[in-house]
Amino acid sequence: MLQSLDFTTISLLAIGLVLFLFGMRQLESGIRVLGYDTFKRWLSNSTASPAGSAAVGAATTAILQSSSMVSLLVLAFASAGALPLYNAIGMILGANLGTTVTGWMVATIGFKLSLQVFALPLMAIGGLMQLAGPRAEKLVAPGVALFGLGLIIFGLDIMKDAVADLPGQLDLGVLKGQGAWVYFLAGTAIAALIQSSSATMMITLASLHAGLLDLSAAAALVIGADLGTTSTTALGSIGGHYVKRQLALSHVLFNLVVDLGAFLLLLPMLPVLLEMLSLRDPLYSLVAFHSLFNLIGLLLFLPMLKPFAYWISGWFRSAERLAAPLSDQLLQVPDAALMAISRMLEDMRASAMVL
């Protein structure tokens, strides 16, 4: 089914990984300076409610055409302190719905927006802003953030290009006749490897159109891809602030519950659902099913968002929680340091009440 990866592919994957992890750090550094002004207030206010945070996440993902990219940006904003945990979780959950727009675009016009053309210009603009000189110190922080964003996109593109011929090597027809669980696990593995549920959706749509898959098998594959895409958030949580790991955990748990629910409850009802929606075209039927189970999962989860965020905030509490807020990097930004000290004192107060 899949040829072995050669040394060049493995090397490019490693290079892409290093670049986007370093890009994450650069983006966080820039946001720590910028995130406490107008942007922080707008982001916090627009994501203050469960519906608002989910809507911002869905809309941003629909525009950027990448839930992986939005998840990485949310990790950066949250770890920089510009986005509270509760708001960040809502955005990540909303991104799941926003990414379904890609399937509709592919099924309708066969077009997918690529961000690769923006990576190098962002890096160039960000670099120039940092080299503007002492008279333009206000340009340094946004320059660092733009350069970091470009690196993140560039790193992800390198990883995707390293396995660019992977869709051609994936003959989904060899799975024909297998059980639904096999397709579910295959979708999870493919999305985790390609780092894109949207790319997995395109592979699935092409296989469905070619008759290599029936609709039920394709639906199981797409559900698995929805779970596999959480690997990007988990990967982005490596190192850095503990909030990243909390967000990665919330993303994995939400998708696990929603996707297992879709697989066990909605997939057996697929013919009935399509009959209710009056859909006959298999391509539209697949993307409609993808949107439907993500929408149902989000609507059912939104009322529980606050208690869920509170429960997630109790994870990964360690010595890092007290030490990280007063790191040398934060102390270079007075506003960030004051917020960090406030959070630390609140944690100490809560711990004292427990004791």
Protein backbone atom coordinates (compact mmCIF):
# COMPACT_ATOMS: atom_id res chain seq x y z
CA MET A 1 0.00 0.00 0.00
CA LEU A 2 2.79 2.41 0.84
CA GLN A 3 6.40 2.39 -0.31
CA SER A 4 9.09 2.85 2.30
CA LEU A 5 10.33 6.37 2.86
CA ASP A 6 13.89 7.04 1.73
CA PHE A 7 16.57 9.03 3.56
CA THR A 8 15.80 12.24 1.64
CA THR A 9 12.16 12.13 2.68
CA ILE A 10 13.05 11.51 6.30
CA SER A 11 15.59 14.37 6.24
CA LEU A 12 13.08 16.79 4.75
CA LEU A 13 10.51 15.79 7.34
CA ALA A 14 13.05 16.49 10.11
CA ILE A 15 14.02 19.86 8.58
CA GLY A 16 10.38 20.88 8.25
CA LEU A 17 9.73 19.89 11.86
CA VAL A 18 12.65 21.97 13.16
CA LEU A 19 11.59 25.01 11.10
CA PHE A 20 8.00 25.06 12.24
CA LEU A 21 8.95 24.47 15.90
CA PHE A 22 11.39 27.38 15.69
CA GLY A 23 8.74 29.41 13.88
CA MET A 24 6.37 28.76 16.78
CA ARG A 25 8.93 30.18 19.20
CA GLN A 26 9.49 33.27 17.02
CA LEU A 27 5.77 33.87 16.64
CA GLU A 28 5.28 33.60 20.40
CA SER A 29 8.11 36.10 21.01
CA GLY A 30 6.50 38.66 18.72
CA ILE A 31 3.03 38.11 20.15
CA ARG A 32 4.27 38.60 23.72
CA VAL A 33 5.10 42.17 22.80
CA LEU A 34 2.10 42.85 20.58
CA GLY A 35 -0.50 40.77 22.37
CA TYR A 36 -1.20 43.12 25.23
CA ASP A 37 -2.55 46.01 23.22
CA THR A 38 -5.52 46.28 20.87
CA PHE A 39 -5.08 42.79 19.45
CA LYS A 40 -5.31 41.14 22.86
CA ARG A 41 -8.47 43.05 23.74
CA TRP A 42 -10.12 42.24 20.40
CA LEU A 43 -9.17 38.57 20.53
CA SER A 44 -10.30 38.16 24.13
CA ASN A 45 -13.59 40.02 23.59
CA SER A 46 -14.51 38.26 20.34
CA THR A 47 -13.88 34.83 21.86
CA ALA A 48 -15.38 35.52 25.30
CA SER A 49 -18.47 33.36 24.77
CA PRO A 50 -18.56 29.69 23.70
CA ALA A 51 -20.34 30.54 20.45
CA GLY A 52 -18.02 33.49 19.78
CA SER A 53 -14.80 31.51 20.26
CA ALA A 54 -16.07 28.65 18.10
CA ALA A 55 -17.24 31.09 15.40
CA VAL A 56 -13.85 32.85 15.27
CA GLY A 57 -12.07 29.48 15.04
CA ALA A 58 -14.41 28.25 12.27
CA ALA A 59 -14.21 31.49 10.27
CA THR A 60 -10.41 31.73 10.56
CA THR A 61 -10.00 28.13 9.42
CA ALA A 62 -12.40 28.62 6.51
CA ILE A 63 -10.32 31.62 5.37
CA LEU A 64 -6.87 30.05 5.90
CA GLN A 65 -8.04 26.64 4.65
CA SER A 66 -6.01 24.85 7.32
CA SER A 67 -7.21 23.72 10.74
CA SER A 68 -3.62 22.67 11.46
CA MET A 69 -2.41 26.24 10.88
CA VAL A 70 -5.14 27.72 13.06
CA SER A 71 -4.38 25.23 15.83
CA LEU A 72 -0.71 26.20 15.77
CA LEU A 73 -1.59 29.90 15.85
CA VAL A 74 -3.92 29.35 18.81
CA LEU A 75 -1.12 27.50 20.63
CA ALA A 76 1.15 30.49 20.07
CA PHE A 77 -1.44 33.07 21.17
CA ALA A 78 -2.38 31.11 24.29
CA SER A 79 1.19 30.39 25.40
CA ALA A 80 2.01 34.09 24.92
CA GLY A 81 -0.83 35.00 27.28
CA ALA A 82 -2.83 36.85 24.62
CA LEU A 83 -5.63 34.27 24.66
CA PRO A 84 -7.11 32.67 27.80
CA LEU A 85 -7.36 28.88 27.89
CA TYR A 86 -11.17 28.88 27.72
CA ASN A 87 -11.21 31.09 24.61
CA ALA A 88 -8.40 29.11 22.97
CA ILE A 89 -10.19 25.78 23.43
CA GLY A 90 -13.31 27.24 21.81
CA MET A 91 -11.30 28.40 18.79
CA ILE A 92 -9.67 24.99 18.33
CA LEU A 93 -13.05 23.24 18.51
CA GLY A 94 -14.50 25.68 15.99
CA ALA A 95 -11.58 25.02 13.64
CA ASN A 96 -12.87 21.46 13.22
CA LEU A 97 -16.01 22.81 11.57
CA GLY A 98 -14.15 25.41 9.52
CA THR A 99 -11.92 22.81 7.89
CA THR A 100 -14.96 21.13 6.30
CA VAL A 101 -15.20 24.09 3.90
CA THR A 102 -12.25 22.62 1.97
CA GLY A 103 -14.27 19.52 1.12
CA TRP A 104 -17.10 21.63 -0.29
CA MET A 105 -14.62 23.60 -2.41
CA VAL A 106 -12.99 20.44 -3.75
CA ALA A 107 -16.33 18.77 -4.48
CA THR A 108 -17.66 21.92 -6.17
CA ILE A 109 -14.75 23.39 -8.12
CA GLY A 110 -11.81 21.06 -7.37
CA PHE A 111 -9.77 23.94 -5.97
CA LYS A 112 -7.81 24.22 -2.75
CA LEU A 113 -6.13 27.39 -1.59
CA SER A 114 -2.41 26.92 -0.94
CA LEU A 115 -0.55 29.04 1.59
CA GLN A 116 2.89 28.15 0.25
CA VAL A 117 3.14 31.32 -1.87
CA PHE A 118 2.77 33.42 1.30
CA ALA A 119 5.57 31.77 3.31
CA LEU A 120 8.65 33.37 1.73
CA PRO A 121 7.10 36.87 1.37
CA LEU A 122 6.10 36.78 5.05
CA MET A 123 9.62 35.78 6.04
CA ALA A 124 11.13 38.48 3.81
CA ILE A 125 8.83 41.22 5.12
CA GLY A 126 9.38 40.09 8.71
CA GLY A 127 13.15 40.08 8.23
CA LEU A 128 13.14 43.56 6.68
CA MET A 129 11.04 44.92 9.56
CA GLN A 130 13.60 43.58 12.04
CA LEU A 131 16.41 45.21 10.06
CA ALA A 132 14.68 48.60 9.87
CA GLY A 133 17.07 50.11 12.40
CA PRO A 134 16.81 51.81 15.81
CA ARG A 135 14.44 54.48 14.52
CA ALA A 136 11.79 51.85 13.81
CA GLU A 137 11.85 49.82 17.00
CA LYS A 138 8.07 49.39 16.87
CA LEU A 139 8.51 47.29 13.73
CA VAL A 140 10.75 44.71 15.40
CA ALA A 141 8.06 42.80 17.33
CA PRO A 142 5.61 42.51 14.40
CA GLY A 143 8.59 41.60 12.22
CA VAL A 144 9.50 38.72 14.54
CA ALA A 145 5.87 37.54 14.55
CA LEU A 146 5.59 37.69 10.74
CA PHE A 147 8.91 35.90 10.30
CA GLY A 148 7.78 33.19 12.72
CA LEU A 149 4.45 32.79 10.89
CA GLY A 150 6.32 32.42 7.61
CA LEU A 151 8.59 29.80 9.14
CA ILE A 152 5.62 27.82 10.42
CA ILE A 153 4.01 27.77 6.97
CA PHE A 154 7.35 27.02 5.31
CA GLY A 155 8.10 24.18 7.71
CA LEU A 156 4.68 22.61 7.19
CA ASP A 157 5.06 22.94 3.42
CA ILE A 158 8.44 21.20 3.53
CA MET A 159 6.93 18.31 5.47
CA LYS A 160 4.03 18.07 3.05
CA ASP A 161 6.33 18.35 0.00
CA ALA A 162 8.50 15.58 1.45
CA VAL A 163 5.56 13.25 1.03
CA ALA A 164 4.09 15.05 -2.00
CA ASP A 165 3.89 11.81 -3.98
CA LEU A 166 2.23 10.02 -1.08
CA PRO A 167 -1.32 10.37 -2.45
CA GLY A 168 -0.13 8.71 -5.66
CA GLN A 169 1.36 5.86 -3.66
CA LEU A 170 -1.79 5.36 -1.62
CA ASP A 171 -3.95 2.87 -3.47
CA LEU A 172 -7.04 2.91 -1.29
CA GLY A 173 -8.48 0.21 -3.49
CA VAL A 174 -6.42 -2.40 -1.60
CA LEU A 175 -8.68 -1.78 1.40
CA LYS A 176 -11.76 -2.79 -0.55
CA GLY A 177 -13.89 -5.26 1.35
CA GLN A 178 -12.31 -4.48 4.72
CA GLY A 179 -14.33 -3.57 7.81
CA ALA A 180 -15.22 0.02 8.72
CA TRP A 181 -12.63 0.03 11.54
CA VAL A 182 -9.86 -0.59 9.00
CA TYR A 183 -10.89 2.49 7.03
CA PHE A 184 -11.19 4.52 10.23
CA LEU A 185 -7.66 3.59 11.33
CA ALA A 186 -6.29 4.14 7.81
CA GLY A 187 -7.77 7.65 7.73
CA THR A 188 -6.25 8.42 11.14
CA ALA A 189 -2.80 7.24 10.02
CA ILE A 190 -2.88 9.06 6.67
CA ALA A 191 -3.98 12.40 8.20
CA ALA A 192 -1.34 12.11 10.94
CA LEU A 193 1.38 11.43 8.35
CA ILE A 194 0.33 14.12 5.86
CA GLN A 195 -0.52 16.54 8.71
CA SER A 196 -3.74 17.54 6.97
CA SER A 197 -7.29 16.24 7.21
CA SER A 198 -8.11 18.37 4.16
CA ALA A 199 -5.51 16.52 2.06
CA THR A 200 -6.92 13.21 3.29
CA MET A 201 -10.39 14.42 2.31
CA MET A 202 -9.13 15.15 -1.23
CA ILE A 203 -7.57 11.69 -1.49
CA THR A 204 -10.83 10.16 -0.29
CA LEU A 205 -12.95 12.22 -2.70
CA ALA A 206 -10.71 11.18 -5.60
CA SER A 207 -10.96 7.50 -4.62
CA LEU A 208 -14.73 7.78 -4.20
CA HIS A 209 -15.06 9.44 -7.60
CA ALA A 210 -12.93 6.69 -9.18
CA GLY A 211 -15.07 3.98 -7.63
CA LEU A 212 -12.27 2.60 -5.44
CA LEU A 213 -14.38 3.22 -2.33
CA ASP A 214 -18.05 3.08 -1.56
CA LEU A 215 -19.67 5.92 0.40
CA SER A 216 -19.68 4.15 3.77
CA ALA A 217 -15.98 3.29 3.53
CA ALA A 218 -15.14 6.85 2.48
CA ALA A 219 -17.13 8.24 5.40
CA ALA A 220 -15.24 6.00 7.85
CA LEU A 221 -11.96 7.18 6.34
CA VAL A 222 -12.94 10.84 6.76
CA ILE A 223 -13.94 10.29 10.39
CA GLY A 224 -10.52 8.78 11.05
CA ALA A 225 -8.81 11.70 9.31
CA ASP A 226 -10.65 14.07 11.66
CA LEU A 227 -8.95 12.32 14.56
CA GLY A 228 -5.56 12.06 12.85
CA THR A 229 -5.30 15.81 12.31
CA THR A 230 -4.95 16.33 16.10
CA SER A 231 -1.35 15.14 15.67
CA THR A 232 -0.44 18.66 14.47
CA THR A 233 -1.60 20.22 17.74
CA ALA A 234 0.18 17.51 19.75
CA LEU A 235 3.34 18.12 17.75
CA GLY A 236 3.10 21.88 18.27
CA SER A 237 2.78 21.39 22.03
CA ILE A 238 6.29 19.95 22.31
CA GLY A 239 8.29 22.14 24.68
CA GLY A 240 7.35 25.62 25.80
CA HIS A 241 4.48 26.66 28.06
CA TYR A 242 2.27 24.10 29.82
CA VAL A 243 -0.83 25.74 28.24
CA LYS A 244 0.19 24.18 24.93
CA ARG A 245 -0.14 20.71 26.38
CA GLN A 246 -3.50 21.58 27.91
CA LEU A 247 -4.78 22.74 24.52
CA ALA A 248 -3.39 19.67 22.77
CA LEU A 249 -5.13 17.45 25.33
CA SER A 250 -8.44 19.27 24.86
CA HIS A 251 -8.16 18.94 21.07
CA VAL A 252 -7.42 15.21 21.19
CA LEU A 253 -10.18 14.47 23.73
CA PHE A 254 -12.82 16.50 21.86
CA ASN A 255 -12.03 14.92 18.50
CA LEU A 256 -11.83 11.46 20.06
CA VAL A 257 -15.31 11.77 21.57
CA VAL A 258 -16.90 13.37 18.48
CA ASP A 259 -15.26 11.01 16.00
CA LEU A 260 -16.04 7.86 17.96
CA GLY A 261 -19.61 9.10 18.32
CA ALA A 262 -19.82 9.73 14.57
CA PHE A 263 -18.34 6.32 13.82
CA LEU A 264 -20.54 4.34 16.22
CA LEU A 265 -23.81 6.30 15.96
CA LEU A 266 -23.99 8.33 12.74
CA LEU A 267 -22.13 6.09 10.28
CA PRO A 268 -24.69 3.24 10.57
CA MET A 269 -27.41 5.85 9.94
CA LEU A 270 -25.68 7.29 6.84
CA PRO A 271 -28.31 6.16 4.28
CA VAL A 272 -31.12 7.61 6.42
CA LEU A 273 -29.25 10.89 6.91
CA LEU A 274 -28.61 11.26 3.18
CA GLU A 275 -32.25 10.51 2.45
CA MET A 276 -33.28 13.27 4.87
CA LEU A 277 -30.87 15.69 3.19
CA SER A 278 -32.06 14.60 -0.27
CA LEU A 279 -28.49 14.05 -1.47
CA ARG A 280 -27.72 11.73 -4.38
CA ASP A 281 -24.26 12.81 -5.51
CA PRO A 282 -21.69 10.73 -3.56
CA LEU A 283 -19.13 13.56 -3.41
CA TYR A 284 -21.60 16.04 -1.92
CA SER A 285 -22.93 13.31 0.34
CA LEU A 286 -19.46 12.74 1.79
CA VAL A 287 -18.67 16.42 2.44
CA ALA A 288 -22.17 16.95 3.86
CA PHE A 289 -21.64 14.05 6.27
CA HIS A 290 -18.24 15.52 7.27
CA SER A 291 -19.80 18.90 8.02
CA LEU A 292 -22.80 17.35 9.75
CA PHE A 293 -20.98 15.28 12.37
CA ASN A 294 -18.58 18.14 13.13
CA LEU A 295 -21.49 20.58 13.52
CA ILE A 296 -23.45 18.19 15.77
CA GLY A 297 -20.38 17.53 17.91
CA LEU A 298 -19.67 21.25 18.29
CA LEU A 299 -23.27 22.16 19.17
CA LEU A 300 -23.46 19.40 21.78
CA PHE A 301 -20.12 20.40 23.29
CA LEU A 302 -20.54 24.19 23.48
CA PRO A 303 -22.75 24.17 26.62
CA MET A 304 -20.04 22.15 28.39
CA LEU A 305 -17.15 24.32 27.22
CA LYS A 306 -16.63 26.22 30.48
CA PRO A 307 -16.59 23.17 32.81
CA PHE A 308 -14.45 21.32 30.24
CA ALA A 309 -11.92 24.19 30.14
CA TYR A 310 -11.89 24.30 33.94
CA TRP A 311 -11.18 20.57 34.08
CA ILE A 312 -8.41 20.84 31.45
CA SER A 313 -6.79 23.69 33.42
CA GLY A 314 -6.08 21.22 36.23
CA TRP A 315 -3.78 19.13 34.05
CA PHE A 316 0.01 19.49 33.84
CA ARG A 317 0.19 21.42 37.13
CA SER A 318 3.80 21.06 38.23
CA ALA A 319 6.79 23.09 39.29
CA GLU A 320 6.83 24.41 35.73
CA ARG A 321 3.55 26.20 36.45
CA LEU A 322 5.17 28.35 39.10
CA ALA A 323 8.52 28.80 37.41
CA ALA A 324 7.40 29.50 33.83
CA PRO A 325 5.50 32.75 34.51
CA LEU A 326 8.65 34.48 35.80
CA SER A 327 11.04 33.38 33.07
CA ASP A 328 13.65 35.89 31.88
CA GLN A 329 11.91 36.11 28.53
CA LEU A 330 8.65 37.31 30.09
CA LEU A 331 10.38 39.75 32.41
CA GLN A 332 11.56 41.63 29.33
CA VAL A 333 7.91 42.55 28.65
CA PRO A 334 6.48 44.44 31.69
CA ASP A 335 2.81 43.92 30.83
CA ALA A 336 3.34 40.22 30.27
CA ALA A 337 5.32 39.92 33.50
CA LEU A 338 2.55 41.64 35.50
CA MET A 339 -0.05 39.27 34.09
CA ALA A 340 2.22 36.30 34.79
CA ILE A 341 2.73 37.41 38.41
CA SER A 342 -1.02 37.84 38.80
CA ARG A 343 -1.61 34.32 37.53
CA MET A 344 1.12 32.96 39.81
CA LEU A 345 -0.38 34.64 42.90
CA GLU A 346 -3.81 33.27 41.99
CA ASP A 347 -2.32 29.77 41.72
CA MET A 348 -0.62 30.19 45.10
CA ARG A 349 -3.87 31.37 46.64
CA ALA A 350 -5.75 28.39 45.23
CA SER A 351 -3.07 25.99 46.46
CA ALA A 352 -3.16 27.56 49.94
CA MET A 353 -6.94 27.15 50.12
CA VAL A 354 -6.59 23.47 49.20
CA LEU A 355 -3.99 22.95 51.91
